Every structure is written in structure tokens, then in C-alpha cells.
């Protein structure tokens, strides 16, 4: 019975590690996508088909 509790404890630890690593990866991906979005928008403003309100 004690062994079963230890196995559950390890499984919970591994799942929490996966969630933590996933959250960090999502944070990095969001920052990277934001940089790409800013770069694409600045290129769009320089191009001929931009019809935004900014001058």
C-alpha cells in the first residue's frame, strides 16, 4: 500500500512538471509570436497594400 502511494506521488510530480514546462514553453511561444506579429505589421505598413489609418 505504501508503494502504491509513492507511485501516485511520483506520477503527480511528473504531471506537474509537464504542466510547468508546458506553461514556460507557451510563454516563450507567445513572446516569439508577438515579435513576429510586430515585424509583419511593420512590413505591412511599408508595403503598398496597407490600408490602415496611420500615416
PDB file of N, CA and C in Angstrom:
ATOM      1  N   UNK A   1       0.837  -1.202   0.000  1.00  0.00           N
ATOM      2  CA  UNK A   1       0.000   0.000   0.000  1.00  0.00           C
ATOM      3  C   UNK A   1       0.875   1.257   0.000  1.00  0.00           C
ATOM      4  N   UNK A   2       1.938   1.187   0.757  1.00  0.00           N
ATOM      5  CA  UNK A   2       2.841   2.343   0.812  1.00  0.00           C
ATOM      6  C   UNK A   2       3.505   2.573  -0.549  1.00  0.00           C
ATOM      7  N   UNK A   3       3.820   1.478  -1.236  1.00  0.00           N
ATOM      8  CA  UNK A   3       4.429   1.583  -2.564  1.00  0.00           C
ATOM      9  C   UNK A   3       3.465   2.252  -3.552  1.00  0.00           C
ATOM     10  N   UNK A   4       2.178   1.909  -3.452  1.00  0.00           N
ATOM     11  CA  UNK A   4       1.178   2.493  -4.348  1.00  0.00           C
ATOM     12  C   UNK A   4       1.068   4.007  -4.142  1.00  0.00           C
ATOM     13  N   UNK A   5       1.123   4.438  -2.893  1.00  0.00           N
ATOM     14  CA  UNK A   5       1.093   5.872  -2.603  1.00  0.00           C
ATOM     15  C   UNK A   5       2.315   6.585  -3.162  1.00  0.00           C
ATOM     16  N   UNK A   6       3.462   5.920  -3.088  1.00  0.00           N
ATOM     17  CA  UNK A   6       4.688   6.502  -3.623  1.00  0.00           C
ATOM     18  C   UNK A   6       4.602   6.646  -5.143  1.00  0.00           C
ATOM     19  N   UNK A   7       4.036   5.631  -5.805  1.00  0.00           N
ATOM     20  CA  UNK A   7       3.871   5.690  -7.260  1.00  0.00           C
ATOM     21  C   UNK A   7       2.934   6.837  -7.637  1.00  0.00           C
ATOM     22  N   UNK A   8       1.828   6.987  -6.911  1.00  0.00           N
ATOM     23  CA  UNK A   8       0.906   8.100  -7.186  1.00  0.00           C
ATOM     24  C   UNK A   8       1.606   9.444  -6.982  1.00  0.00           C
ATOM     25  N   UNK A   9       2.442   9.530  -5.949  1.00  0.00           N
ATOM     26  CA  UNK A   9       3.184  10.757  -5.670  1.00  0.00           C
ATOM     27  C   UNK A   9       4.122  11.100  -6.835  1.00  0.00           C
ATOM     28  N   UNK A  10       4.815  10.090  -7.353  1.00  0.00           N
ATOM     29  CA  UNK A  10       5.722  10.316  -8.487  1.00  0.00           C
ATOM     30  C   UNK A  10       4.946  10.717  -9.744  1.00  0.00           C
ATOM     31  N   UNK A  11       3.815  10.051  -9.985  1.00  0.00           N
ATOM     32  CA  UNK A  11       3.006  10.381 -11.169  1.00  0.00           C
ATOM     33  C   UNK A  11       2.515  11.830 -11.075  1.00  0.00           C
ATOM     34  N   UNK A  12       2.061  12.236  -9.893  1.00  0.00           N
ATOM     35  CA  UNK A  12       1.605  13.619  -9.709  1.00  0.00           C
ATOM     36  C   UNK A  12       2.754  14.600  -9.936  1.00  0.00           C
ATOM     37  N   UNK A  13       3.947  14.249  -9.478  1.00  0.00           N
ATOM     38  CA  UNK A  13       5.111  15.121  -9.683  1.00  0.00           C
ATOM     39  C   UNK A  13       5.476  15.250 -11.146  1.00  0.00           C
ATOM     40  N   UNK A  14       5.419  14.134 -11.867  1.00  0.00           N
ATOM     41  CA  UNK A  14       5.754  14.169 -13.301  1.00  0.00           C
ATOM     42  C   UNK A  14       4.723  14.995 -14.065  1.00  0.00           C
ATOM     43  N   UNK A  15       3.440  14.815 -13.738  1.00  0.00           N
ATOM     44  CA  UNK A  15       2.391  15.584 -14.425  1.00  0.00           C
ATOM     45  C   UNK A  15       2.549  17.073 -14.140  1.00  0.00           C
ATOM     46  N   UNK A  16       2.863  17.427 -12.894  1.00  0.00           N
ATOM     47  CA  UNK A  16       3.039  18.843 -12.581  1.00  0.00           C
ATOM     48  C   UNK A  16       4.255  19.414 -13.300  1.00  0.00           C
ATOM     49  N   UNK A  17       5.319  18.628 -13.442  1.00  0.00           N
ATOM     50  CA  UNK A  17       6.490  19.088 -14.194  1.00  0.00           C
ATOM     51  C   UNK A  17       6.125  19.331 -15.659  1.00  0.00           C
ATOM     52  N   UNK A  18       5.317  18.424 -16.222  1.00  0.00           N
ATOM     53  CA  UNK A  18       4.901  18.594 -17.615  1.00  0.00           C
ATOM     54  C   UNK A  18       4.110  19.890 -17.767  1.00  0.00           C
ATOM     55  N   UNK A  19       3.216  20.160 -16.802  1.00  0.00           N
ATOM     56  CA  UNK A  19       2.435  21.396 -16.872  1.00  0.00           C
ATOM     57  C   UNK A  19       3.325  22.624 -16.749  1.00  0.00           C
ATOM     58  N   UNK A  20       4.305  22.579 -15.851  1.00  0.00           N
ATOM     59  CA  UNK A  20       5.201  23.730 -15.664  1.00  0.00           C
ATOM     60  C   UNK A  20       6.028  23.970 -16.924  1.00  0.00           C
ATOM     61  N   UNK A  21       6.599  22.902 -17.483  1.00  0.00           N
ATOM     62  CA  UNK A  21       7.400  23.042 -18.703  1.00  0.00           C
ATOM     63  C   UNK A  21       6.525  23.527 -19.862  1.00  0.00           C
ATOM     64  N   UNK A  22       5.301  23.014 -19.934  1.00  0.00           N
ATOM     65  CA  UNK A  22       4.377  23.460 -20.975  1.00  0.00           C
ATOM     66  C   UNK A  22       4.029  24.931 -20.839  1.00  0.00           C
ATOM     67  N   UNK A  23       3.811  25.389 -19.613  1.00  0.00           N
ATOM     68  CA  UNK A  23       3.487  26.797 -19.394  1.00  0.00           C
ATOM     69  C   UNK A  23       4.656  27.691 -19.800  1.00  0.00           C
ATOM     70  N   UNK A  24       5.876  27.276 -19.466  1.00  0.00           N
ATOM     71  CA  UNK A  24       7.063  28.047 -19.857  1.00  0.00           C
ATOM     72  C   UNK A  24       7.187  28.080 -21.376  1.00  0.00           C
ATOM     73  N   UNK A  25       6.964  26.924 -22.020  1.00  0.00           N
ATOM     74  CA  UNK A  25       7.055  26.866 -23.482  1.00  0.00           C
ATOM     75  C   UNK A  25       5.997  27.741 -24.133  1.00  0.00           C
ATOM     76  N   UNK A  26       4.784  27.756 -23.587  1.00  0.00           N
ATOM     77  CA  UNK A  26       3.726  28.603 -24.137  1.00  0.00           C
ATOM     78  C   UNK A  26       4.093  30.076 -23.962  1.00  0.00           C
ATOM     79  N   UNK A  27       4.698  30.412 -22.830  1.00  0.00           N
ATOM     80  CA  UNK A  27       5.130  31.797 -22.611  1.00  0.00           C
ATOM     81  C   UNK A  27       6.179  32.225 -23.627  1.00  0.00           C
ATOM     82  N   UNK A  28       7.157  31.359 -23.877  1.00  0.00           N
ATOM     83  CA  UNK A  28       8.173  31.676 -24.883  1.00  0.00           C
ATOM     84  C   UNK A  28       7.543  31.792 -26.270  1.00  0.00           C
ATOM     85  N   UNK A  29       6.639  30.879 -26.596  1.00  0.00           N
ATOM     86  CA  UNK A  29       5.996  30.900 -27.918  1.00  0.00           C
ATOM     87  C   UNK A  29       5.180  32.172 -28.085  1.00  0.00           C
ATOM     88  N   UNK A  30       4.482  32.609 -27.036  1.00  0.00           N
ATOM     89  CA  UNK A  30       3.675  33.826 -27.129  1.00  0.00           C
ATOM     90  C   UNK A  30       4.571  35.043 -27.361  1.00  0.00           C
ATOM     91  N   UNK A  31       5.697  35.116 -26.655  1.00  0.00           N
ATOM     92  CA  UNK A  31       6.617  36.231 -26.862  1.00  0.00           C
ATOM     93  C   UNK A  31       7.208  36.224 -28.262  1.00  0.00           C
ATOM     94  N   UNK A  32       7.536  35.028 -28.748  1.00  0.00           N
ATOM     95  CA  UNK A  32       8.109  34.910 -30.089  1.00  0.00           C
ATOM     96  C   UNK A  32       7.078  35.297 -31.154  1.00  0.00           C
ATOM     97  N   UNK A  33       5.841  34.846 -30.972  1.00  0.00           N
ATOM     98  CA  UNK A  33       4.785  35.190 -31.929  1.00  0.00           C
ATOM     99  C   UNK A  33       4.501  36.690 -31.903  1.00  0.00           C
ATOM    100  N   UNK A  34       4.622  37.305 -30.732  1.00  0.00           N
ATOM    101  CA  UNK A  34       4.400  38.746 -30.644  1.00  0.00           C
ATOM    102  C   UNK A  34       5.487  39.500 -31.423  1.00  0.00           C
ATOM    103  N   UNK A  35       6.727  39.027 -31.344  1.00  0.00           N
ATOM    104  CA  UNK A  35       7.801  39.645 -32.124  1.00  0.00           C
ATOM    105  C   UNK A  35       7.538  39.493 -33.621  1.00  0.00           C
ATOM    106  N   UNK A  36       7.120  38.300 -34.036  1.00  0.00           N
ATOM    107  CA  UNK A  36       6.824  38.067 -35.452  1.00  0.00           C
ATOM    108  C   UNK A  36       5.678  38.969 -35.895  1.00  0.00           C
ATOM    109  N   UNK A  37       4.650  39.089 -35.056  1.00  0.00           N
ATOM    110  CA  UNK A  37       3.491  39.918 -35.396  1.00  0.00           C
ATOM    111  C   UNK A  37       3.913  41.375 -35.563  1.00  0.00           C
ATOM    112  N   UNK A  38       4.762  41.878 -34.655  1.00  0.00           N
ATOM    113  CA  UNK A  38       5.226  43.259 -34.766  1.00  0.00           C
ATOM    114  C   UNK A  38       6.038  43.451 -36.046  1.00  0.00           C
ATOM    115  N   UNK A  39       6.872  42.471 -36.390  1.00  0.00           N
ATOM    116  CA  UNK A  39       7.692  42.567 -37.594  1.00  0.00           C
ATOM    117  C   UNK A  39       6.811  42.546 -38.844  1.00  0.00           C
ATOM    118  N   UNK A  40       5.823  41.654 -38.864  1.00  0.00           N
ATOM    119  CA  UNK A  40       4.928  41.569 -40.023  1.00  0.00           C
ATOM    120  C   UNK A  40       4.124  42.857 -40.173  1.00  0.00           C
ATOM    121  N   UNK A  41       3.652  43.407 -39.066  1.00  0.00           N
ATOM    122  CA  UNK A  41       2.873  44.651 -39.159  1.00  0.00           C
ATOM    123  C   UNK A  41       3.732  45.809 -39.657  1.00  0.00           C
ATOM    124  N   UNK A  42       4.996  45.871 -39.217  1.00  0.00           N
ATOM    125  CA  UNK A  42       5.843  46.955 -39.690  1.00  0.00           C
ATOM    126  C   UNK A  42       6.139  46.782 -41.187  1.00  0.00           C
ATOM    127  N   UNK A  43       6.268  45.543 -41.642  1.00  0.00           N
ATOM    128  CA  UNK A  43       6.479  45.319 -43.077  1.00  0.00           C
ATOM    129  C   UNK A  43       5.215  45.625 -43.870  1.00  0.00           C
ATOM    130  N   UNK A  44       4.062  45.327 -43.290  1.00  0.00           N
ATOM    131  CA  UNK A  44       2.803  45.626 -43.974  1.00  0.00           C
ATOM    132  C   UNK A  44       2.625  47.139 -44.150  1.00  0.00           C
ATOM    133  N   UNK A  45       3.024  47.905 -43.135  1.00  0.00           N
ATOM    134  CA  UNK A  45       2.870  49.360 -43.220  1.00  0.00           C
ATOM    135  C   UNK A  45       3.746  49.937 -44.320  1.00  0.00           C
ATOM    136  N   UNK A  46       4.874  49.285 -44.594  1.00  0.00           N
ATOM    137  CA  UNK A  46       5.759  49.766 -45.655  1.00  0.00           C
ATOM    138  C   UNK A  46       5.299  49.313 -47.034  1.00  0.00           C
ATOM    139  N   UNK A  47       4.383  48.357 -47.082  1.00  0.00           N
ATOM    140  CA  UNK A  47       4.012  47.803 -48.379  1.00  0.00           C
ATOM    141  C   UNK A  47       2.862  48.581 -48.998  1.00  0.00           C
ATOM    142  N   UNK A  48       2.544  48.256 -50.232  1.00  0.00           N
ATOM    143  CA  UNK A  48       1.568  49.026 -50.986  1.00  0.00           C
ATOM    144  C   UNK A  48       0.137  48.653 -50.663  1.00  0.00           C
ATOM    145  N   UNK A  49      -0.115  47.487 -50.065  1.00  0.00           N
ATOM    146  CA  UNK A  49      -1.497  47.109 -49.815  1.00  0.00           C
ATOM    147  C   UNK A  49      -1.953  47.389 -48.392  1.00  0.00           C
ATOM    148  N   UNK A  50      -1.190  48.176 -47.635  1.00  0.00           N
ATOM    149  CA  UNK A  50      -1.622  48.542 -46.290  1.00  0.00           C
ATOM    150  C   UNK A  50      -2.659  49.650 -46.397  1.00  0.00           C
ATOM    151  N   UNK A  51      -3.843  49.438 -45.821  1.00  0.00           N
ATOM    152  CA  UNK A  51      -4.887  50.468 -45.858  1.00  0.00           C
ATOM    153  C   UNK A  51      -5.276  50.888 -44.456  1.00  0.00           C
ATOM    154  N   UNK A  52      -4.291  50.937 -43.556  1.00  0.00           N
ATOM    155  CA  UNK A  52      -4.553  51.326 -42.178  1.00  0.00           C
ATOM    156  C   UNK A  52      -4.791  52.825 -42.061  1.00  0.00           C
ATOM    157  N   UNK A  53      -5.171  53.237 -40.855  1.00  0.00           N
ATOM    158  CA  UNK A  53      -5.488  54.645 -40.626  1.00  0.00           C
ATOM    159  C   UNK A  53      -4.238  55.475 -40.346  1.00  0.00           C
ATOM    160  N   UNK A  54      -3.132  54.806 -39.988  1.00  0.00           N
ATOM    161  CA  UNK A  54      -1.939  55.555 -39.604  1.00  0.00           C
ATOM    162  C   UNK A  54      -1.234  56.122 -40.839  1.00  0.00           C
ATOM    163  N   UNK A  55      -0.574  57.232 -40.616  1.00  0.00           N
ATOM    164  CA  UNK A  55       0.154  57.877 -41.724  1.00  0.00           C
ATOM    165  C   UNK A  55       1.577  57.372 -41.766  1.00  0.00           C
TER     166      UNK A  55
END
